[in-house]
């Protein structure tokens, strides 16, 4: 925990479901270390809540808009508008992979 967590009271683990970030090296089943205390910055990998669902994407912050950018060409970017119920839930600081073969 000391190696992976800077802010223990605001850091959580979550398991990835899906492959929208596969080209970033984040795969279905990986475990993420997510820090809710970090201020989002352009290009961060973030866990976002949008319209009732959580999603994992790069965030692109522009002066007049926020975009959620996947790392998989099978998925399309999402433009966040005022009509969306949206928040950046936390910033991914590490991802953990299972390298042991399942038997």
PDB file of N, CA and C in Angstrom:
ATOM      1  N   UNK A   1       0.814  -1.212   0.000  1.00  0.00           N
ATOM      2  CA  UNK A   1       0.000   0.000   0.000  1.00  0.00           C
ATOM      3  C   UNK A   1       0.850   1.266   0.000  1.00  0.00           C
ATOM      4  N   UNK A   2       1.985   1.255   0.700  1.00  0.00           N
ATOM      5  CA  UNK A   2       2.827   2.452   0.754  1.00  0.00           C
ATOM      6  C   UNK A   2       3.349   2.830  -0.627  1.00  0.00           C
ATOM      7  N   UNK A   3       3.626   1.843  -1.457  1.00  0.00           N
ATOM      8  CA  UNK A   3       4.160   2.098  -2.798  1.00  0.00           C
ATOM      9  C   UNK A   3       3.102   2.665  -3.745  1.00  0.00           C
ATOM     10  N   UNK A   4       1.861   2.237  -3.587  1.00  0.00           N
ATOM     11  CA  UNK A   4       0.818   2.576  -4.556  1.00  0.00           C
ATOM     12  C   UNK A   4      -0.135   3.674  -4.115  1.00  0.00           C
ATOM     13  N   UNK A   5      -0.163   3.999  -2.829  1.00  0.00           N
ATOM     14  CA  UNK A   5      -1.193   4.907  -2.327  1.00  0.00           C
ATOM     15  C   UNK A   5      -0.562   6.101  -1.619  1.00  0.00           C
ATOM     16  N   UNK A   6      -0.832   7.306  -2.139  1.00  0.00           N
ATOM     17  CA  UNK A   6      -0.367   8.536  -1.500  1.00  0.00           C
ATOM     18  C   UNK A   6      -1.406   9.105  -0.535  1.00  0.00           C
ATOM     19  N   UNK A   7      -2.680   8.926  -0.852  1.00  0.00           N
ATOM     20  CA  UNK A   7      -3.768   9.500  -0.061  1.00  0.00           C
ATOM     21  C   UNK A   7      -4.726   8.388   0.371  1.00  0.00           C
ATOM     22  N   UNK A   8      -4.395   7.660   1.445  1.00  0.00           N
ATOM     23  CA  UNK A   8      -5.185   6.480   1.824  1.00  0.00           C
ATOM     24  C   UNK A   8      -6.674   6.735   2.030  1.00  0.00           C
ATOM     25  N   UNK A   9      -7.047   7.869   2.591  1.00  0.00           N
ATOM     26  CA  UNK A   9      -8.466   8.102   2.887  1.00  0.00           C
ATOM     27  C   UNK A   9      -9.299   8.375   1.639  1.00  0.00           C
ATOM     28  N   UNK A  10      -8.640   8.652   0.507  1.00  0.00           N
ATOM     29  CA  UNK A  10      -9.397   8.956  -0.707  1.00  0.00           C
ATOM     30  C   UNK A  10      -9.035   8.034  -1.870  1.00  0.00           C
ATOM     31  N   UNK A  11      -8.382   6.913  -1.568  1.00  0.00           N
ATOM     32  CA  UNK A  11      -7.943   6.002  -2.620  1.00  0.00           C
ATOM     33  C   UNK A  11      -8.710   4.685  -2.531  1.00  0.00           C
ATOM     34  N   UNK A  12      -9.106   4.188  -3.693  1.00  0.00           N
ATOM     35  CA  UNK A  12      -9.915   2.979  -3.786  1.00  0.00           C
ATOM     36  C   UNK A  12      -9.341   2.060  -4.858  1.00  0.00           C
ATOM     37  N   UNK A  13      -9.702   0.805  -4.761  1.00  0.00           N
ATOM     38  CA  UNK A  13      -9.398  -0.172  -5.804  1.00  0.00           C
ATOM     39  C   UNK A  13     -10.695  -0.489  -6.542  1.00  0.00           C
ATOM     40  N   UNK A  14     -10.587  -0.741  -7.832  1.00  0.00           N
ATOM     41  CA  UNK A  14     -11.747  -1.160  -8.622  1.00  0.00           C
ATOM     42  C   UNK A  14     -11.267  -2.101  -9.716  1.00  0.00           C
ATOM     43  N   UNK A  15     -12.118  -3.046 -10.081  1.00  0.00           N
ATOM     44  CA  UNK A  15     -11.799  -3.986 -11.150  1.00  0.00           C
ATOM     45  C   UNK A  15     -12.394  -3.485 -12.462  1.00  0.00           C
ATOM     46  N   UNK A  16     -11.588  -3.543 -13.520  1.00  0.00           N
ATOM     47  CA  UNK A  16     -12.009  -3.087 -14.844  1.00  0.00           C
ATOM     48  C   UNK A  16     -12.982  -4.094 -15.450  1.00  0.00           C
ATOM     49  N   UNK A  17     -14.044  -3.557 -16.041  1.00  0.00           N
ATOM     50  CA  UNK A  17     -14.983  -4.377 -16.799  1.00  0.00           C
ATOM     51  C   UNK A  17     -15.106  -3.737 -18.179  1.00  0.00           C
ATOM     52  N   UNK A  18     -14.587  -4.417 -19.188  1.00  0.00           N
ATOM     53  CA  UNK A  18     -14.644  -3.882 -20.542  1.00  0.00           C
ATOM     54  C   UNK A  18     -13.260  -3.665 -21.115  1.00  0.00           C
ATOM     55  N   UNK A  19     -13.233  -3.261 -22.392  1.00  0.00           N
ATOM     56  CA  UNK A  19     -11.966  -3.129 -23.109  1.00  0.00           C
ATOM     57  C   UNK A  19     -11.783  -1.780 -23.797  1.00  0.00           C
ATOM     58  N   UNK A  20     -12.453  -0.744 -23.307  1.00  0.00           N
ATOM     59  CA  UNK A  20     -12.344   0.551 -23.982  1.00  0.00           C
ATOM     60  C   UNK A  20     -10.971   1.197 -23.814  1.00  0.00           C
ATOM     61  N   UNK A  21     -10.132   0.685 -22.891  1.00  0.00           N
ATOM     62  CA  UNK A  21      -8.801   1.262 -22.672  1.00  0.00           C
ATOM     63  C   UNK A  21      -7.686   0.254 -22.959  1.00  0.00           C
ATOM     64  N   UNK A  22      -7.980  -0.739 -23.780  1.00  0.00           N
ATOM     65  CA  UNK A  22      -7.046  -1.833 -24.057  1.00  0.00           C
ATOM     66  C   UNK A  22      -5.722  -1.332 -24.650  1.00  0.00           C
ATOM     67  N   UNK A  23      -5.767  -0.317 -25.517  1.00  0.00           N
ATOM     68  CA  UNK A  23      -4.538   0.191 -26.132  1.00  0.00           C
ATOM     69  C   UNK A  23      -3.710   1.035 -25.167  1.00  0.00           C
ATOM     70  N   UNK A  24      -4.249   1.306 -23.989  1.00  0.00           N
ATOM     71  CA  UNK A  24      -3.489   1.985 -22.931  1.00  0.00           C
ATOM     72  C   UNK A  24      -2.898   0.961 -21.972  1.00  0.00           C
ATOM     73  N   UNK A  25      -3.083  -0.326 -22.282  1.00  0.00           N
ATOM     74  CA  UNK A  25      -2.559  -1.385 -21.428  1.00  0.00           C
ATOM     75  C   UNK A  25      -3.470  -1.736 -20.270  1.00  0.00           C
ATOM     76  N   UNK A  26      -4.709  -1.250 -20.311  1.00  0.00           N
ATOM     77  CA  UNK A  26      -5.684  -1.550 -19.256  1.00  0.00           C
ATOM     78  C   UNK A  26      -6.720  -2.495 -19.847  1.00  0.00           C
ATOM     79  N   UNK A  27      -6.783  -3.710 -19.281  1.00  0.00           N
ATOM     80  CA  UNK A  27      -7.627  -4.769 -19.831  1.00  0.00           C
ATOM     81  C   UNK A  27      -8.753  -5.155 -18.878  1.00  0.00           C
ATOM     82  N   UNK A  28      -9.740  -5.836 -19.421  1.00  0.00           N
ATOM     83  CA  UNK A  28     -10.828  -6.389 -18.629  1.00  0.00           C
ATOM     84  C   UNK A  28     -10.238  -7.249 -17.498  1.00  0.00           C
ATOM     85  N   UNK A  29     -10.672  -7.015 -16.275  1.00  0.00           N
ATOM     86  CA  UNK A  29     -10.205  -7.786 -15.134  1.00  0.00           C
ATOM     87  C   UNK A  29      -9.053  -7.164 -14.370  1.00  0.00           C
ATOM     88  N   UNK A  30      -8.367  -6.175 -14.949  1.00  0.00           N
ATOM     89  CA  UNK A  30      -7.289  -5.496 -14.226  1.00  0.00           C
ATOM     90  C   UNK A  30      -7.866  -4.786 -12.999  1.00  0.00           C
ATOM     91  N   UNK A  31      -7.001  -4.519 -12.048  1.00  0.00           N
ATOM     92  CA  UNK A  31      -7.399  -3.762 -10.866  1.00  0.00           C
ATOM     93  C   UNK A  31      -6.787  -2.374 -10.971  1.00  0.00           C
ATOM     94  N   UNK A  32      -7.589  -1.355 -10.717  1.00  0.00           N
ATOM     95  CA  UNK A  32      -7.134   0.028 -10.770  1.00  0.00           C
ATOM     96  C   UNK A  32      -6.974   0.590  -9.370  1.00  0.00           C
ATOM     97  N   UNK A  33      -5.978   1.445  -9.206  1.00  0.00           N
ATOM     98  CA  UNK A  33      -5.830   2.244  -7.998  1.00  0.00           C
ATOM     99  C   UNK A  33      -6.325   3.639  -8.379  1.00  0.00           C
ATOM    100  N   UNK A  34      -7.360   4.116  -7.687  1.00  0.00           N
ATOM    101  CA  UNK A  34      -8.046   5.351  -8.055  1.00  0.00           C
ATOM    102  C   UNK A  34      -7.997   6.323  -6.882  1.00  0.00           C
ATOM    103  N   UNK A  35      -7.488   7.522  -7.141  1.00  0.00           N
ATOM    104  CA  UNK A  35      -7.384   8.548  -6.101  1.00  0.00           C
ATOM    105  C   UNK A  35      -8.424   9.632  -6.376  1.00  0.00           C
ATOM    106  N   UNK A  36      -9.388   9.767  -5.463  1.00  0.00           N
ATOM    107  CA  UNK A  36     -10.452  10.756  -5.621  1.00  0.00           C
ATOM    108  C   UNK A  36     -10.019  12.167  -5.230  1.00  0.00           C
ATOM    109  N   UNK A  37      -8.863  12.306  -4.579  1.00  0.00           N
ATOM    110  CA  UNK A  37      -8.441  13.628  -4.108  1.00  0.00           C
ATOM    111  C   UNK A  37      -7.651  14.416  -5.161  1.00  0.00           C
ATOM    112  N   UNK A  38      -7.257  13.764  -6.234  1.00  0.00           N
ATOM    113  CA  UNK A  38      -6.439  14.440  -7.243  1.00  0.00           C
ATOM    114  C   UNK A  38      -7.278  15.352  -8.136  1.00  0.00           C
ATOM    115  N   UNK A  39      -6.735  16.502  -8.451  1.00  0.00           N
ATOM    116  CA  UNK A  39      -7.386  17.427  -9.373  1.00  0.00           C
ATOM    117  C   UNK A  39      -7.206  16.893 -10.798  1.00  0.00           C
ATOM    118  N   UNK A  40      -8.297  16.712 -11.549  1.00  0.00           N
ATOM    119  CA  UNK A  40      -8.175  16.189 -12.919  1.00  0.00           C
ATOM    120  C   UNK A  40      -7.369  17.129 -13.809  1.00  0.00           C
ATOM    121  N   UNK A  41      -6.508  16.522 -14.629  1.00  0.00           N
ATOM    122  CA  UNK A  41      -5.724  17.278 -15.600  1.00  0.00           C
ATOM    123  C   UNK A  41      -5.912  16.669 -16.980  1.00  0.00           C
ATOM    124  N   UNK A  42      -5.784  17.491 -17.979  1.00  0.00           N
ATOM    125  CA  UNK A  42      -5.920  17.040 -19.356  1.00  0.00           C
ATOM    126  C   UNK A  42      -4.999  15.847 -19.610  1.00  0.00           C
ATOM    127  N   UNK A  43      -5.561  14.776 -20.152  1.00  0.00           N
ATOM    128  CA  UNK A  43      -4.783  13.583 -20.470  1.00  0.00           C
ATOM    129  C   UNK A  43      -4.782  12.517 -19.396  1.00  0.00           C
ATOM    130  N   UNK A  44      -5.309  12.833 -18.202  1.00  0.00           N
ATOM    131  CA  UNK A  44      -5.390  11.818 -17.145  1.00  0.00           C
ATOM    132  C   UNK A  44      -6.317  10.683 -17.550  1.00  0.00           C
ATOM    133  N   UNK A  45      -6.065   9.507 -16.999  1.00  0.00           N
ATOM    134  CA  UNK A  45      -7.001   8.404 -17.110  1.00  0.00           C
ATOM    135  C   UNK A  45      -7.925   8.518 -15.910  1.00  0.00           C
ATOM    136  N   UNK A  46      -9.221   8.580 -16.166  1.00  0.00           N
ATOM    137  CA  UNK A  46     -10.167   8.865 -15.100  1.00  0.00           C
ATOM    138  C   UNK A  46     -11.338   7.902 -15.109  1.00  0.00           C
ATOM    139  N   UNK A  47     -11.853   7.655 -13.917  1.00  0.00           N
ATOM    140  CA  UNK A  47     -13.117   6.962 -13.762  1.00  0.00           C
ATOM    141  C   UNK A  47     -14.169   8.060 -13.692  1.00  0.00           C
ATOM    142  N   UNK A  48     -15.081   8.049 -14.645  1.00  0.00           N
ATOM    143  CA  UNK A  48     -16.103   9.087 -14.746  1.00  0.00           C
ATOM    144  C   UNK A  48     -17.484   8.475 -14.590  1.00  0.00           C
ATOM    145  N   UNK A  49     -18.381   9.276 -14.045  1.00  0.00           N
ATOM    146  CA  UNK A  49     -19.780   8.889 -13.924  1.00  0.00           C
ATOM    147  C   UNK A  49     -20.539   9.773 -14.900  1.00  0.00           C
ATOM    148  N   UNK A  50     -21.232   9.126 -15.848  1.00  0.00           N
ATOM    149  CA  UNK A  50     -22.003   9.890 -16.824  1.00  0.00           C
ATOM    150  C   UNK A  50     -23.333   9.203 -17.069  1.00  0.00           C
ATOM    151  N   UNK A  51     -24.391   9.947 -16.800  1.00  0.00           N
ATOM    152  CA  UNK A  51     -25.759   9.494 -17.051  1.00  0.00           C
ATOM    153  C   UNK A  51     -26.053   8.116 -16.469  1.00  0.00           C
ATOM    154  N   UNK A  52     -25.665   7.910 -15.223  1.00  0.00           N
ATOM    155  CA  UNK A  52     -26.019   6.676 -14.518  1.00  0.00           C
ATOM    156  C   UNK A  52     -25.043   5.533 -14.665  1.00  0.00           C
ATOM    157  N   UNK A  53     -23.944   5.737 -15.381  1.00  0.00           N
ATOM    158  CA  UNK A  53     -22.976   4.655 -15.583  1.00  0.00           C
ATOM    159  C   UNK A  53     -21.557   5.161 -15.342  1.00  0.00           C
ATOM    160  N   UNK A  54     -20.707   4.235 -14.879  1.00  0.00           N
ATOM    161  CA  UNK A  54     -19.287   4.548 -14.745  1.00  0.00           C
ATOM    162  C   UNK A  54     -18.566   4.150 -16.025  1.00  0.00           C
ATOM    163  N   UNK A  55     -17.554   4.933 -16.388  1.00  0.00           N
ATOM    164  CA  UNK A  55     -16.736   4.625 -17.549  1.00  0.00           C
ATOM    165  C   UNK A  55     -15.298   5.021 -17.263  1.00  0.00           C
ATOM    166  N   UNK A  56     -14.382   4.330 -17.895  1.00  0.00           N
ATOM    167  CA  UNK A  56     -12.954   4.594 -17.758  1.00  0.00           C
ATOM    168  C   UNK A  56     -12.450   5.146 -19.083  1.00  0.00           C
ATOM    169  N   UNK A  57     -11.911   6.351 -19.068  1.00  0.00           N
ATOM    170  CA  UNK A  57     -11.447   6.990 -20.299  1.00  0.00           C
ATOM    171  C   UNK A  57     -10.338   7.975 -19.969  1.00  0.00           C
ATOM    172  N   UNK A  58      -9.591   8.382 -21.023  1.00  0.00           N
ATOM    173  CA  UNK A  58      -8.749   9.562 -20.910  1.00  0.00           C
ATOM    174  C   UNK A  58      -9.682  10.765 -20.873  1.00  0.00           C
ATOM    175  N   UNK A  59      -9.301  11.788 -20.137  1.00  0.00           N
ATOM    176  CA  UNK A  59     -10.099  13.011 -20.179  1.00  0.00           C
ATOM    177  C   UNK A  59      -9.344  14.066 -20.970  1.00  0.00           C
ATOM    178  N   UNK A  60     -10.081  14.715 -21.842  1.00  0.00           N
ATOM    179  CA  UNK A  60      -9.532  15.821 -22.630  1.00  0.00           C
ATOM    180  C   UNK A  60     -10.301  17.061 -22.207  1.00  0.00           C
ATOM    181  N   UNK A  61      -9.592  17.987 -21.581  1.00  0.00           N
ATOM    182  CA  UNK A  61     -10.225  19.182 -21.050  1.00  0.00           C
ATOM    183  C   UNK A  61      -9.905  20.353 -21.969  1.00  0.00           C
ATOM    184  N   UNK A  62     -10.957  20.934 -22.535  1.00  0.00           N
ATOM    185  CA  UNK A  62     -10.809  22.110 -23.385  1.00  0.00           C
ATOM    186  C   UNK A  62     -11.531  23.273 -22.714  1.00  0.00           C
ATOM    187  N   UNK A  63     -11.336  24.454 -23.215  1.00  0.00           N
ATOM    188  CA  UNK A  63     -11.922  25.646 -22.609  1.00  0.00           C
ATOM    189  C   UNK A  63     -13.445  25.569 -22.525  1.00  0.00           C
ATOM    190  N   UNK A  64     -14.061  24.968 -23.535  1.00  0.00           N
ATOM    191  CA  UNK A  64     -15.521  24.959 -23.576  1.00  0.00           C
ATOM    192  C   UNK A  64     -16.138  23.564 -23.514  1.00  0.00           C
ATOM    193  N   UNK A  65     -15.326  22.535 -23.311  1.00  0.00           N
ATOM    194  CA  UNK A  65     -15.889  21.177 -23.312  1.00  0.00           C
ATOM    195  C   UNK A  65     -14.927  20.189 -22.661  1.00  0.00           C
ATOM    196  N   UNK A  66     -15.497  19.074 -22.241  1.00  0.00           N
ATOM    197  CA  UNK A  66     -14.723  17.926 -21.769  1.00  0.00           C
ATOM    198  C   UNK A  66     -15.072  16.751 -22.670  1.00  0.00           C
ATOM    199  N   UNK A  67     -14.046  16.012 -23.085  1.00  0.00           N
ATOM    200  CA  UNK A  67     -14.243  14.820 -23.893  1.00  0.00           C
ATOM    201  C   UNK A  67     -13.700  13.617 -23.134  1.00  0.00           C
ATOM    202  N   UNK A  68     -14.378  12.491 -23.275  1.00  0.00           N
ATOM    203  CA  UNK A  68     -13.921  11.223 -22.725  1.00  0.00           C
ATOM    204  C   UNK A  68     -13.416  10.396 -23.895  1.00  0.00           C
ATOM    205  N   UNK A  69     -12.121  10.106 -23.887  1.00  0.00           N
ATOM    206  CA  UNK A  69     -11.463   9.504 -25.045  1.00  0.00           C
ATOM    207  C   UNK A  69     -11.064   8.063 -24.733  1.00  0.00           C
ATOM    208  N   UNK A  70     -11.586   7.101 -25.492  1.00  0.00           N
ATOM    209  CA  UNK A  70     -11.200   5.699 -25.285  1.00  0.00           C
ATOM    210  C   UNK A  70      -9.826   5.412 -25.884  1.00  0.00           C
ATOM    211  N   UNK A  71      -9.235   4.312 -25.458  1.00  0.00           N
ATOM    212  CA  UNK A  71      -7.967   3.845 -26.037  1.00  0.00           C
ATOM    213  C   UNK A  71      -8.230   2.526 -26.754  1.00  0.00           C
ATOM    214  N   UNK A  72      -9.232   2.556 -27.606  1.00  0.00           N
ATOM    215  CA  UNK A  72      -9.629   1.402 -28.403  1.00  0.00           C
ATOM    216  C   UNK A  72     -10.429   1.948 -29.584  1.00  0.00           C
ATOM    217  N   UNK A  73     -10.009   1.684 -30.813  1.00  0.00           N
ATOM    218  CA  UNK A  73     -10.705   2.245 -31.979  1.00  0.00           C
ATOM    219  C   UNK A  73     -12.135   1.739 -32.157  1.00  0.00           C
ATOM    220  N   UNK A  74     -12.518   0.700 -31.430  1.00  0.00           N
ATOM    221  CA  UNK A  74     -13.892   0.197 -31.514  1.00  0.00           C
ATOM    222  C   UNK A  74     -14.877   1.069 -30.728  1.00  0.00           C
ATOM    223  N   UNK A  75     -14.368   2.028 -29.951  1.00  0.00           N
ATOM    224  CA  UNK A  75     -15.211   2.906 -29.137  1.00  0.00           C
ATOM    225  C   UNK A  75     -15.049   4.339 -29.614  1.00  0.00           C
ATOM    226  N   UNK A  76     -16.124   5.120 -29.486  1.00  0.00           N
ATOM    227  CA  UNK A  76     -16.107   6.510 -29.923  1.00  0.00           C
ATOM    228  C   UNK A  76     -15.917   7.440 -28.725  1.00  0.00           C
ATOM    229  N   UNK A  77     -15.262   8.591 -28.956  1.00  0.00           N
ATOM    230  CA  UNK A  77     -15.160   9.592 -27.891  1.00  0.00           C
ATOM    231  C   UNK A  77     -16.547  10.083 -27.490  1.00  0.00           C
ATOM    232  N   UNK A  78     -16.647  10.542 -26.268  1.00  0.00           N
ATOM    233  CA  UNK A  78     -17.902  11.076 -25.739  1.00  0.00           C
ATOM    234  C   UNK A  78     -17.682  12.548 -25.404  1.00  0.00           C
ATOM    235  N   UNK A  79     -18.505  13.423 -25.968  1.00  0.00           N
ATOM    236  CA  UNK A  79     -18.464  14.842 -25.604  1.00  0.00           C
ATOM    237  C   UNK A  79     -19.439  15.047 -24.457  1.00  0.00           C
ATOM    238  N   UNK A  80     -18.942  15.589 -23.357  1.00  0.00           N
ATOM    239  CA  UNK A  80     -19.782  15.857 -22.200  1.00  0.00           C
ATOM    240  C   UNK A  80     -20.433  17.219 -22.405  1.00  0.00           C
ATOM    241  N   UNK A  81     -21.759  17.255 -22.261  1.00  0.00           N
ATOM    242  CA  UNK A  81     -22.505  18.501 -22.413  1.00  0.00           C
ATOM    243  C   UNK A  81     -23.187  18.846 -21.096  1.00  0.00           C
ATOM    244  N   UNK A  82     -23.778  20.015 -21.047  1.00  0.00           N
ATOM    245  CA  UNK A  82     -24.507  20.449 -19.849  1.00  0.00           C
ATOM    246  C   UNK A  82     -25.692  19.542 -19.546  1.00  0.00           C
ATOM    247  N   UNK A  83     -26.202  18.860 -20.549  1.00  0.00           N
ATOM    248  CA  UNK A  83     -27.351  17.980 -20.354  1.00  0.00           C
ATOM    249  C   UNK A  83     -26.975  16.675 -19.655  1.00  0.00           C
ATOM    250  N   UNK A  84     -25.708  16.321 -19.653  1.00  0.00           N
ATOM    251  CA  UNK A  84     -25.265  15.070 -19.026  1.00  0.00           C
ATOM    252  C   UNK A  84     -25.183  15.216 -17.507  1.00  0.00           C
ATOM    253  N   UNK A  85     -25.538  14.144 -16.819  1.00  0.00           N
ATOM    254  CA  UNK A  85     -25.268  14.024 -15.382  1.00  0.00           C
ATOM    255  C   UNK A  85     -23.847  13.473 -15.307  1.00  0.00           C
ATOM    256  N   UNK A  86     -22.879  14.312 -14.951  1.00  0.00           N
ATOM    257  CA  UNK A  86     -21.475  13.953 -15.117  1.00  0.00           C
ATOM    258  C   UNK A  86     -20.632  14.387 -13.929  1.00  0.00           C
ATOM    259  N   UNK A  87     -19.687  13.510 -13.554  1.00  0.00           N
ATOM    260  CA  UNK A  87     -18.623  13.906 -12.632  1.00  0.00           C
ATOM    261  C   UNK A  87     -17.404  13.021 -12.880  1.00  0.00           C
ATOM    262  N   UNK A  88     -16.251  13.587 -12.602  1.00  0.00           N
ATOM    263  CA  UNK A  88     -15.017  12.807 -12.623  1.00  0.00           C
ATOM    264  C   UNK A  88     -14.869  12.241 -11.227  1.00  0.00           C
ATOM    265  N   UNK A  89     -15.050  10.930 -11.111  1.00  0.00           N
ATOM    266  CA  UNK A  89     -15.105  10.262  -9.810  1.00  0.00           C
ATOM    267  C   UNK A  89     -13.718  10.110  -9.202  1.00  0.00           C
ATOM    268  N   UNK A  90     -12.711   9.876 -10.024  1.00  0.00           N
ATOM    269  CA  UNK A  90     -11.356   9.724  -9.512  1.00  0.00           C
ATOM    270  C   UNK A  90     -10.357   9.554 -10.638  1.00  0.00           C
ATOM    271  N   UNK A  91      -9.092   9.733 -10.298  1.00  0.00           N
ATOM    272  CA  UNK A  91      -8.000   9.633 -11.263  1.00  0.00           C
ATOM    273  C   UNK A  91      -7.250   8.324 -11.030  1.00  0.00           C
ATOM    274  N   UNK A  92      -7.021   7.594 -12.111  1.00  0.00           N
ATOM    275  CA  UNK A  92      -6.287   6.332 -12.023  1.00  0.00           C
ATOM    276  C   UNK A  92      -4.804   6.649 -11.856  1.00  0.00           C
ATOM    277  N   UNK A  93      -4.211   6.078 -10.801  1.00  0.00           N
ATOM    278  CA  UNK A  93      -2.784   6.282 -10.553  1.00  0.00           C
ATOM    279  C   UNK A  93      -1.962   5.057 -10.937  1.00  0.00           C
ATOM    280  N   UNK A  94      -2.547   3.860 -10.826  1.00  0.00           N
ATOM    281  CA  UNK A  94      -1.871   2.613 -11.182  1.00  0.00           C
ATOM    282  C   UNK A  94      -2.897   1.611 -11.685  1.00  0.00           C
ATOM    283  N   UNK A  95      -2.419   0.681 -12.504  1.00  0.00           N
ATOM    284  CA  UNK A  95      -3.245  -0.482 -12.852  1.00  0.00           C
ATOM    285  C   UNK A  95      -2.429  -1.731 -12.508  1.00  0.00           C
ATOM    286  N   UNK A  96      -3.134  -2.750 -12.055  1.00  0.00           N
ATOM    287  CA  UNK A  96      -2.496  -3.989 -11.606  1.00  0.00           C
ATOM    288  C   UNK A  96      -3.044  -5.121 -12.451  1.00  0.00           C
ATOM    289  N   UNK A  97      -2.133  -5.920 -13.014  1.00  0.00           N
ATOM    290  CA  UNK A  97      -2.511  -7.048 -13.859  1.00  0.00           C
ATOM    291  C   UNK A  97      -2.242  -8.360 -13.148  1.00  0.00           C
ATOM    292  N   UNK A  98      -3.022  -9.364 -13.455  1.00  0.00           N
ATOM    293  CA  UNK A  98      -2.815 -10.704 -12.949  1.00  0.00           C
ATOM    294  C   UNK A  98      -1.979 -11.482 -13.984  1.00  0.00           C
ATOM    295  N   UNK A  99      -0.787 -11.876 -13.611  1.00  0.00           N
ATOM    296  CA  UNK A  99       0.095 -12.586 -14.542  1.00  0.00           C
ATOM    297  C   UNK A  99       0.119 -14.097 -14.291  1.00  0.00           C
ATOM    298  N   UNK A 100      -0.619 -14.550 -13.289  1.00  0.00           N
ATOM    299  CA  UNK A 100      -0.683 -15.975 -12.984  1.00  0.00           C
ATOM    300  C   UNK A 100      -1.723 -16.631 -13.888  1.00  0.00           C
ATOM    301  N   UNK A 101      -1.350 -17.740 -14.468  1.00  0.00           N
ATOM    302  CA  UNK A 101      -2.303 -18.481 -15.305  1.00  0.00           C
ATOM    303  C   UNK A 101      -3.373 -19.103 -14.430  1.00  0.00           C
ATOM    304  N   UNK A 102      -4.606 -18.970 -14.897  1.00  0.00           N
ATOM    305  CA  UNK A 102      -5.706 -19.650 -14.199  1.00  0.00           C
ATOM    306  C   UNK A 102      -5.680 -21.129 -14.521  1.00  0.00           C
ATOM    307  N   UNK A 103      -5.871 -21.955 -13.554  1.00  0.00           N
ATOM    308  CA  UNK A 103      -5.828 -23.408 -13.785  1.00  0.00           C
ATOM    309  C   UNK A 103      -7.166 -24.033 -13.588  1.00  0.00           C
TER     310      UNK A 103
END
